[in-house]
Amino acid sequence: MIEGIQLKGDYVYFGISDKQSSDKACIYSIPKSAF
């Protein structure tokens, strides 16, 4: 589940939270050129 999307410069940041493990959170950064 994507909780938040941020656009910063040339990168897109996705904040993803795992509901089954509240301690686990992942942040992915993807270059805008990938879209």
PDB file of N, CA and C in Angstrom:
ATOM      1  N   MET A   1       0.848  -1.198   0.000  1.00  0.00           N
ATOM      2  CA  MET A   1       0.000   0.000   0.000  1.00  0.00           C
ATOM      3  C   MET A   1       0.879   1.242   0.000  1.00  0.00           C
ATOM      4  N   ILE A   2       0.629   2.105  -0.953  1.00  0.00           N
ATOM      5  CA  ILE A   2       1.409   3.341  -1.031  1.00  0.00           C
ATOM      6  C   ILE A   2       0.761   4.374  -0.117  1.00  0.00           C
ATOM      7  N   GLU A   3       1.552   4.885   0.804  1.00  0.00           N
ATOM      8  CA  GLU A   3       1.015   5.842   1.773  1.00  0.00           C
ATOM      9  C   GLU A   3       1.277   7.283   1.360  1.00  0.00           C
ATOM     10  N   GLY A   4       2.378   7.512   0.674  1.00  0.00           N
ATOM     11  CA  GLY A   4       2.693   8.877   0.295  1.00  0.00           C
ATOM     12  C   GLY A   4       3.611   8.910  -0.905  1.00  0.00           C
ATOM     13  N   ILE A   5       3.400   9.901  -1.764  1.00  0.00           N
ATOM     14  CA  ILE A   5       4.275  10.088  -2.915  1.00  0.00           C
ATOM     15  C   ILE A   5       4.794  11.515  -2.874  1.00  0.00           C
ATOM     16  N   GLN A   6       6.106  11.667  -2.982  1.00  0.00           N
ATOM     17  CA  GLN A   6       6.704  12.990  -2.979  1.00  0.00           C
ATOM     18  C   GLN A   6       7.535  13.175  -4.237  1.00  0.00           C
ATOM     19  N   LEU A   7       7.439  14.371  -4.807  1.00  0.00           N
ATOM     20  CA  LEU A   7       8.245  14.705  -5.972  1.00  0.00           C
ATOM     21  C   LEU A   7       9.329  15.673  -5.531  1.00  0.00           C
ATOM     22  N   LYS A   8      10.576  15.249  -5.659  1.00  0.00           N
ATOM     23  CA  LYS A   8      11.691  16.116  -5.274  1.00  0.00           C
ATOM     24  C   LYS A   8      12.720  16.085  -6.391  1.00  0.00           C
ATOM     25  N   GLY A   9      12.895  17.216  -7.046  1.00  0.00           N
ATOM     26  CA  GLY A   9      13.911  17.282  -8.092  1.00  0.00           C
ATOM     27  C   GLY A   9      13.606  16.301  -9.207  1.00  0.00           C
ATOM     28  N   ASP A  10      14.571  15.457  -9.523  1.00  0.00           N
ATOM     29  CA  ASP A  10      14.429  14.505 -10.621  1.00  0.00           C
ATOM     30  C   ASP A  10      14.022  13.128 -10.122  1.00  0.00           C
ATOM     31  N   TYR A  11      13.660  13.029  -8.854  1.00  0.00           N
ATOM     32  CA  TYR A  11      13.323  11.726  -8.291  1.00  0.00           C
ATOM     33  C   TYR A  11      11.915  11.722  -7.718  1.00  0.00           C
ATOM     34  N   VAL A  12      11.301  10.550  -7.753  1.00  0.00           N
ATOM     35  CA  VAL A  12       9.988  10.351  -7.146  1.00  0.00           C
ATOM     36  C   VAL A  12      10.176   9.414  -5.958  1.00  0.00           C
ATOM     37  N   TYR A  13       9.673   9.829  -4.807  1.00  0.00           N
ATOM     38  CA  TYR A  13       9.836   9.028  -3.597  1.00  0.00           C
ATOM     39  C   TYR A  13       8.508   8.387  -3.225  1.00  0.00           C
ATOM     40  N   PHE A  14       8.539   7.085  -3.020  1.00  0.00           N
ATOM     41  CA  PHE A  14       7.349   6.355  -2.590  1.00  0.00           C
ATOM     42  C   PHE A  14       7.557   5.879  -1.162  1.00  0.00           C
ATOM     43  N   GLY A  15       6.599   6.195  -0.299  1.00  0.00           N
ATOM     44  CA  GLY A  15       6.645   5.672   1.065  1.00  0.00           C
ATOM     45  C   GLY A  15       5.665   4.525   1.184  1.00  0.00           C
ATOM     46  N   ILE A  16       6.180   3.353   1.469  1.00  0.00           N
ATOM     47  CA  ILE A  16       5.330   2.166   1.537  1.00  0.00           C
ATOM     48  C   ILE A  16       5.415   1.559   2.930  1.00  0.00           C
ATOM     49  N   SER A  17       4.259   1.297   3.516  1.00  0.00           N
ATOM     50  CA  SER A  17       4.202   0.744   4.860  1.00  0.00           C
ATOM     51  C   SER A  17       3.629  -0.658   4.815  1.00  0.00           C
ATOM     52  N   ASP A  18       4.241  -1.550   5.571  1.00  0.00           N
ATOM     53  CA  ASP A  18       3.749  -2.920   5.650  1.00  0.00           C
ATOM     54  C   ASP A  18       2.823  -3.025   6.860  1.00  0.00           C
ATOM     55  N   LYS A  19       1.548  -3.246   6.618  1.00  0.00           N
ATOM     56  CA  LYS A  19       0.570  -3.251   7.705  1.00  0.00           C
ATOM     57  C   LYS A  19       0.752  -4.450   8.633  1.00  0.00           C
ATOM     58  N   GLN A  20       1.304  -5.540   8.119  1.00  0.00           N
ATOM     59  CA  GLN A  20       1.482  -6.726   8.950  1.00  0.00           C
ATOM     60  C   GLN A  20       2.650  -6.546   9.919  1.00  0.00           C
ATOM     61  N   SER A  21       3.573  -5.683   9.575  1.00  0.00           N
ATOM     62  CA  SER A  21       4.714  -5.419  10.452  1.00  0.00           C
ATOM     63  C   SER A  21       4.864  -3.916  10.572  1.00  0.00           C
ATOM     64  N   SER A  22       4.297  -3.354  11.641  1.00  0.00           N
ATOM     65  CA  SER A  22       4.229  -1.904  11.772  1.00  0.00           C
ATOM     66  C   SER A  22       5.612  -1.275  11.914  1.00  0.00           C
ATOM     67  N   ASP A  23       6.615  -2.099  12.231  1.00  0.00           N
ATOM     68  CA  ASP A  23       7.965  -1.568  12.391  1.00  0.00           C
ATOM     69  C   ASP A  23       8.682  -1.433  11.058  1.00  0.00           C
ATOM     70  N   LYS A  24       8.088  -2.041  10.028  1.00  0.00           N
ATOM     71  CA  LYS A  24       8.769  -2.047   8.735  1.00  0.00           C
ATOM     72  C   LYS A  24       8.186  -0.982   7.814  1.00  0.00           C
ATOM     73  N   ALA A  25       9.038  -0.142   7.289  1.00  0.00           N
ATOM     74  CA  ALA A  25       8.618   0.864   6.323  1.00  0.00           C
ATOM     75  C   ALA A  25       9.705   0.979   5.272  1.00  0.00           C
ATOM     76  N   CYS A  26       9.288   1.082   4.033  1.00  0.00           N
ATOM     77  CA  CYS A  26      10.252   1.146   2.942  1.00  0.00           C
ATOM     78  C   CYS A  26      10.047   2.436   2.158  1.00  0.00           C
ATOM     79  N   ILE A  27      11.151   3.012   1.726  1.00  0.00           N
ATOM     80  CA  ILE A  27      11.093   4.198   0.878  1.00  0.00           C
ATOM     81  C   ILE A  27      11.870   3.904  -0.392  1.00  0.00           C
ATOM     82  N   TYR A  28      11.198   4.071  -1.513  1.00  0.00           N
ATOM     83  CA  TYR A  28      11.838   3.854  -2.801  1.00  0.00           C
ATOM     84  C   TYR A  28      12.003   5.194  -3.505  1.00  0.00           C
ATOM     85  N   SER A  29      13.152   5.395  -4.111  1.00  0.00           N
ATOM     86  CA  SER A  29      13.366   6.591  -4.916  1.00  0.00           C
ATOM     87  C   SER A  29      13.567   6.159  -6.357  1.00  0.00           C
ATOM     88  N   ILE A  30      12.760   6.716  -7.253  1.00  0.00           N
ATOM     89  CA  ILE A  30      12.802   6.348  -8.662  1.00  0.00           C
ATOM     90  C   ILE A  30      13.012   7.613  -9.493  1.00  0.00           C
ATOM     91  N   PRO A  31      13.973   7.597 -10.394  1.00  0.00           N
ATOM     92  CA  PRO A  31      14.176   8.766 -11.267  1.00  0.00           C
ATOM     93  C   PRO A  31      12.942   9.013 -12.127  1.00  0.00           C
ATOM     94  N   LYS A  32      12.602  10.282 -12.343  1.00  0.00           N
ATOM     95  CA  LYS A  32      11.450  10.604 -13.174  1.00  0.00           C
ATOM     96  C   LYS A  32      11.641  10.104 -14.598  1.00  0.00           C
ATOM     97  N   SER A  33      12.876   9.942 -15.022  1.00  0.00           N
ATOM     98  CA  SER A  33      13.146   9.484 -16.384  1.00  0.00           C
ATOM     99  C   SER A  33      12.668   8.057 -16.600  1.00  0.00           C
ATOM    100  N   ALA A  34      12.387   7.333 -15.501  1.00  0.00           N
ATOM    101  CA  ALA A  34      11.932   5.950 -15.604  1.00  0.00           C
ATOM    102  C   ALA A  34      10.464   5.887 -16.028  1.00  0.00           C
ATOM    103  N   PHE A  35       9.748   6.990 -15.920  1.00  0.00           N
ATOM    104  CA  PHE A  35       8.331   6.997 -16.260  1.00  0.00           C
ATOM    105  C   PHE A  35       8.123   7.370 -17.715  1.00  0.00           C
TER     106      PHE A  35
END
